[in-house]
């Protein structure tokens, strides 16, 4: 008669099949903002970089960010990132960019960001006890808006300058397991899940570096995203269908920085 351990092994082999093993650490880095002081601006970017994105399909990652005005204690509405469907081939490392307003006056701010992902183990898949498990962790970054602060410019952050003070979340995967058809979970659609390693390596935000073309694209995307939300008369946004990104192309990083700094005070 087969022992219990052998029965478990046979059940796993029959129900799970073979999975393509993947190992490594997927890292999410808050590239901008950092714990710094910035001048008032209407276009405030939040840039997240993701390293080792080949692990994302096994982790089913999702993320939220939320601002807190430390002076008034007023929270913003959480902004949700569904990273399950991201086009990771669009950039390397992959980046998520969103722009926010209401930073045109002095104040102290906290940005809280949380990452959630799914994992499994051989036991959880075999015995249906937990199946796919939800995990999560969060980080907090403080920054200040002050008239004496520097103009908001994400280029130094995206070109590997002063990177050691970047907040990061590391998810360490030591194996991948096939999910049996009889396991369903409302927040998980994958056929392969990640098994977590027992240790987590130190983050490596200084490995994130975007080239000049990517940095220029970030600038133009910031303006374009903001202009889609701001179409008021007298603003610096284009009034026709031509995007701000198209109008700014070819200006160069210095010109983009100057234009962006001006926009911070001209857009109402």
Protein backbone atom coordinates (compact mmCIF):
# COMPACT_ATOMS: atom_id res chain seq x y z
CA UNK A 1 0.00 0.00 0.00
CA UNK A 2 1.35 3.41 -0.91
CA UNK A 3 2.44 5.70 1.89
CA UNK A 4 0.80 9.09 2.48
CA UNK A 5 3.76 10.99 1.00
CA UNK A 6 3.67 8.88 -2.15
CA UNK A 7 -0.08 9.41 -2.52
CA UNK A 8 0.42 13.16 -2.25
CA UNK A 9 3.17 13.06 -4.88
CA UNK A 10 1.00 11.07 -7.28
CA UNK A 11 -1.96 13.38 -6.72
CA UNK A 12 0.15 16.42 -7.48
CA UNK A 13 1.63 14.83 -10.59
CA UNK A 14 -1.78 13.81 -11.89
CA UNK A 15 -3.63 17.02 -11.14
CA UNK A 16 -0.98 19.63 -11.67
CA UNK A 17 1.11 18.39 -14.56
CA UNK A 18 4.43 19.98 -15.33
CA UNK A 19 5.08 23.69 -14.86
CA UNK A 20 7.82 25.76 -16.36
CA UNK A 21 10.01 26.57 -13.37
CA UNK A 22 10.90 30.21 -12.89
CA UNK A 23 13.05 31.68 -10.15
CA UNK A 24 14.21 35.12 -9.18
CA UNK A 25 13.08 38.35 -7.59
CA UNK A 26 10.54 40.69 -9.12
CA UNK A 27 11.16 44.19 -7.78
CA UNK A 28 8.90 47.24 -7.77
CA UNK A 29 10.71 50.54 -7.25
CA UNK A 30 9.14 53.92 -6.50
CA UNK A 31 11.31 55.99 -8.82
CA UNK A 32 9.45 59.27 -8.25
CA UNK A 33 8.67 60.99 -5.90
CA UNK A 34 11.37 60.60 -3.29
CA UNK A 35 11.92 62.04 0.17
CA UNK A 36 12.72 65.47 -1.24
CA UNK A 37 11.35 69.01 -1.48
CA UNK A 38 9.72 70.11 -4.73
CA UNK A 39 8.40 73.44 -6.02
CA UNK A 40 4.62 73.80 -6.46
CA UNK A 41 3.38 72.30 -9.72
CA UNK A 42 0.15 71.24 -11.40
CA UNK A 43 1.69 68.16 -13.00
CA UNK A 44 3.04 65.77 -10.39
CA UNK A 45 4.17 62.35 -11.62
CA UNK A 46 4.31 59.03 -9.81
CA UNK A 47 6.69 56.61 -11.55
CA UNK A 48 6.94 52.94 -10.63
CA UNK A 49 9.60 50.72 -12.24
CA UNK A 50 9.31 46.94 -12.29
CA UNK A 51 12.34 44.68 -12.70
CA UNK A 52 12.24 41.01 -13.77
CA UNK A 53 8.76 41.31 -15.23
CA UNK A 54 8.89 37.74 -16.58
CA UNK A 55 7.76 36.66 -13.10
CA UNK A 56 4.63 38.84 -13.13
CA UNK A 57 2.28 36.33 -14.83
CA UNK A 58 2.88 33.86 -11.99
CA UNK A 59 2.31 36.47 -9.26
CA UNK A 60 -0.83 38.22 -10.53
CA UNK A 61 0.36 41.59 -9.11
CA UNK A 62 -1.87 44.53 -8.27
CA UNK A 63 -0.98 47.87 -6.71
CA UNK A 64 -2.65 50.90 -5.12
CA UNK A 65 -1.25 54.30 -4.17
CA UNK A 66 -2.78 56.92 -1.92
CA UNK A 67 -1.75 60.45 -0.92
CA UNK A 68 -2.20 61.98 2.52
CA UNK A 69 -1.97 65.73 3.11
CA UNK A 70 -0.11 65.71 6.43
CA UNK A 71 -1.24 69.25 7.29
CA UNK A 72 -4.98 68.73 6.76
CA UNK A 73 -4.98 64.93 7.24
CA UNK A 74 -7.08 64.60 4.08
CA UNK A 75 -6.63 61.38 2.10
CA UNK A 76 -6.86 61.14 -1.67
CA UNK A 77 -8.90 58.45 -3.35
CA UNK A 78 -6.75 55.33 -3.86
CA UNK A 79 -5.39 54.92 -7.38
CA UNK A 80 -5.48 51.33 -8.58
CA UNK A 81 -2.97 49.66 -10.91
CA UNK A 82 -4.01 46.28 -12.31
CA UNK A 83 -0.61 44.94 -13.27
CA UNK A 84 -2.00 41.58 -14.34
CA UNK A 85 -2.65 42.89 -17.85
CA UNK A 86 0.33 45.23 -18.24
CA UNK A 87 2.24 45.26 -21.52
CA UNK A 88 5.61 44.41 -20.02
CA UNK A 89 7.28 44.28 -23.42
CA UNK A 90 6.72 48.03 -23.86
CA UNK A 91 9.80 49.00 -21.83
CA UNK A 92 12.69 47.42 -19.95
CA UNK A 93 12.50 47.90 -17.04
CA UNK A 94 8.75 48.28 -17.24
CA UNK A 95 7.39 51.58 -15.94
CA UNK A 96 3.98 52.75 -14.75
CA UNK A 97 3.37 56.50 -14.98
CA UNK A 98 0.42 58.44 -13.61
CA UNK A 99 0.09 62.19 -13.13
CA UNK A 100 -1.68 63.99 -10.30
CA UNK A 101 -2.79 67.55 -9.59
CA UNK A 102 -3.42 69.60 -6.43
CA UNK A 103 0.28 70.05 -5.72
CA UNK A 104 0.34 73.75 -6.62
CA UNK A 105 0.62 74.95 -3.03
CA UNK A 106 3.00 74.38 -0.15
CA UNK A 107 2.46 71.40 2.10
CA UNK A 108 3.77 68.12 3.45
CA UNK A 109 2.66 64.89 1.87
CA UNK A 110 2.82 61.15 2.40
CA UNK A 111 2.43 58.66 -0.41
CA UNK A 112 1.50 55.14 0.66
CA UNK A 113 1.70 52.36 -1.91
CA UNK A 114 0.70 48.77 -1.50
CA UNK A 115 1.44 45.74 -3.67
CA UNK A 116 -0.62 42.54 -3.59
CA UNK A 117 0.18 39.25 -5.29
CA UNK A 118 -0.75 35.56 -5.28
CA UNK A 119 1.29 32.50 -4.32
CA UNK A 120 0.78 28.81 -3.69
CA UNK A 121 2.53 25.77 -2.27
CA UNK A 122 2.39 22.10 -3.16
CA UNK A 123 0.40 21.41 0.01
CA UNK A 124 -2.13 24.17 -0.61
CA UNK A 125 -2.75 22.94 -4.16
CA UNK A 126 -2.97 19.27 -3.17
CA UNK A 127 -5.28 19.55 -0.18
CA UNK A 128 -7.45 22.50 -1.34
CA UNK A 129 -6.95 24.07 2.07
CA UNK A 130 -5.67 27.41 0.89
CA UNK A 131 -5.28 26.91 -2.85
CA UNK A 132 -4.10 30.29 -4.15
CA UNK A 133 -3.07 32.63 -1.35
CA UNK A 134 -3.12 36.42 -1.32
CA UNK A 135 -0.06 38.30 -0.04
CA UNK A 136 0.71 41.97 0.32
CA UNK A 137 3.08 44.58 1.67
CA UNK A 138 3.30 48.37 1.66
CA UNK A 139 5.79 51.23 1.72
CA UNK A 140 5.57 54.92 2.67
CA UNK A 141 7.44 57.92 1.24
CA UNK A 142 7.29 61.51 2.52
CA UNK A 143 7.85 64.59 0.40
CA UNK A 144 7.36 68.34 0.72
CA UNK A 145 6.00 71.02 -1.60
CA UNK A 146 7.70 74.34 -0.91
CA UNK A 147 8.22 77.52 -2.91
CA UNK A 148 11.97 77.19 -2.38
CA UNK A 149 12.03 73.57 -3.62
CA UNK A 150 13.41 72.35 -6.91
CA UNK A 151 11.30 72.15 -10.05
CA UNK A 152 9.69 68.75 -10.43
CA UNK A 153 12.02 66.89 -12.78
CA UNK A 154 11.94 63.08 -12.87
CA UNK A 155 14.95 62.79 -15.19
CA UNK A 156 17.59 62.54 -12.41
CA UNK A 157 15.51 59.80 -10.81
CA UNK A 158 15.11 57.89 -14.07
CA UNK A 159 18.80 58.14 -14.94
CA UNK A 160 20.06 56.42 -11.80
CA UNK A 161 20.89 59.54 -9.75
CA UNK A 162 20.38 59.52 -5.96
CA UNK A 163 18.81 56.10 -6.27
CA UNK A 164 19.73 54.75 -2.84
CA UNK A 165 16.80 56.48 -1.14
CA UNK A 166 14.19 54.88 -3.40
CA UNK A 167 11.53 52.75 -1.74
CA UNK A 168 11.23 49.23 -3.14
CA UNK A 169 9.24 46.02 -2.74
CA UNK A 170 10.94 42.71 -3.59
CA UNK A 171 8.99 39.50 -4.24
CA UNK A 172 11.29 36.46 -4.29
CA UNK A 173 10.14 33.39 -6.26
CA UNK A 174 11.90 30.04 -5.90
CA UNK A 175 9.61 27.90 -8.09
CA UNK A 176 6.42 27.87 -10.13
CA UNK A 177 3.64 25.31 -9.85
CA UNK A 178 0.88 24.35 -12.24
CA UNK A 179 -2.62 25.09 -10.93
CA UNK A 180 -5.02 22.11 -11.20
CA UNK A 181 -8.27 22.71 -13.09
CA UNK A 182 -10.31 21.94 -9.98
CA UNK A 183 -8.91 24.99 -8.19
CA UNK A 184 -10.59 28.31 -8.88
CA UNK A 185 -10.05 31.61 -7.14
CA UNK A 186 -11.95 34.83 -7.82
CA UNK A 187 -8.82 37.00 -8.12
CA UNK A 188 -6.64 34.57 -10.03
CA UNK A 189 -6.98 33.52 -13.66
CA UNK A 190 -3.56 31.98 -14.25
CA UNK A 191 -2.64 28.34 -14.81
CA UNK A 192 0.71 28.68 -13.09
CA UNK A 193 1.43 30.23 -9.70
CA UNK A 194 4.56 31.21 -7.82
CA UNK A 195 6.02 29.52 -4.78
CA UNK A 196 7.79 31.98 -2.50
CA UNK A 197 11.39 31.69 -1.36
CA UNK A 198 12.11 31.66 2.36
CA UNK A 199 14.41 34.69 2.12
CA UNK A 200 14.13 38.05 0.38
CA UNK A 201 17.18 39.70 -1.22
CA UNK A 202 18.01 43.34 -0.73
CA UNK A 203 16.37 45.67 -3.29
CA UNK A 204 18.44 47.03 -6.16
CA UNK A 205 16.77 50.30 -7.24
CA UNK A 206 20.09 51.60 -8.59
CA UNK A 207 19.86 49.03 -11.39
CA UNK A 208 16.88 50.93 -12.80
CA UNK A 209 18.01 53.33 -15.49
CA UNK A 210 16.03 54.74 -18.39
CA UNK A 211 17.83 56.10 -21.42
CA UNK A 212 17.35 59.65 -22.72
CA UNK A 213 14.63 58.57 -25.14
CA UNK A 214 12.65 56.96 -22.32
CA UNK A 215 13.15 60.03 -20.13
CA UNK A 216 11.88 62.28 -22.92
CA UNK A 217 8.89 59.98 -23.35
CA UNK A 218 8.12 60.29 -19.65
CA UNK A 219 8.11 64.08 -19.95
CA UNK A 220 5.83 64.13 -22.97
CA UNK A 221 3.55 61.49 -21.47
CA UNK A 222 3.23 63.54 -18.30
CA UNK A 223 2.05 66.57 -20.26
CA UNK A 224 -0.18 64.51 -22.54
CA UNK A 225 -1.88 62.71 -19.65
CA UNK A 226 -2.47 65.97 -17.83
CA UNK A 227 -3.83 67.71 -20.91
CA UNK A 228 -6.39 64.96 -21.39
CA UNK A 229 -7.78 66.04 -18.02
CA UNK A 230 -7.29 69.81 -18.46
CA UNK A 231 -8.97 71.51 -21.39
CA UNK A 232 -9.72 74.87 -19.82
CA UNK A 233 -9.43 78.12 -21.84
CA UNK A 234 -6.12 79.85 -21.31
CA UNK A 235 -4.24 76.71 -20.31
CA UNK A 236 -1.00 75.68 -21.97
CA UNK A 237 -2.56 72.52 -23.36
CA UNK A 238 -3.23 72.26 -27.12
CA UNK A 239 -6.80 72.97 -28.19
CA UNK A 240 -6.82 70.70 -31.23
CA UNK A 241 -6.52 66.93 -31.44
CA UNK A 242 -2.75 67.02 -31.69
CA UNK A 243 -1.36 65.71 -28.44
CA UNK A 244 1.06 67.59 -26.25
CA UNK A 245 3.48 64.73 -26.71
CA UNK A 246 3.53 65.31 -30.47
CA UNK A 247 4.04 69.04 -30.02
CA UNK A 248 6.94 68.50 -27.65
CA UNK A 249 8.78 65.88 -29.68
CA UNK A 250 12.20 67.01 -30.81
CA UNK A 251 12.47 69.74 -28.19
CA UNK A 252 15.04 67.75 -26.21
CA UNK A 253 15.31 67.12 -22.49
CA UNK A 254 16.44 70.63 -21.57
CA UNK A 255 13.61 72.18 -23.51
CA UNK A 256 11.14 69.70 -22.09
CA UNK A 257 12.29 70.46 -18.58
CA UNK A 258 11.92 74.19 -19.16
CA UNK A 259 8.48 73.72 -20.71
CA UNK A 260 7.40 71.42 -17.91
CA UNK A 261 8.55 73.88 -15.27
CA UNK A 262 6.55 76.62 -16.96
CA UNK A 263 3.51 74.42 -17.22
CA UNK A 264 3.60 73.95 -13.49
CA UNK A 265 2.63 77.59 -13.07
CA UNK A 266 0.62 78.26 -16.24
CA UNK A 267 -1.94 75.49 -16.18
CA UNK A 268 -4.94 76.31 -13.99
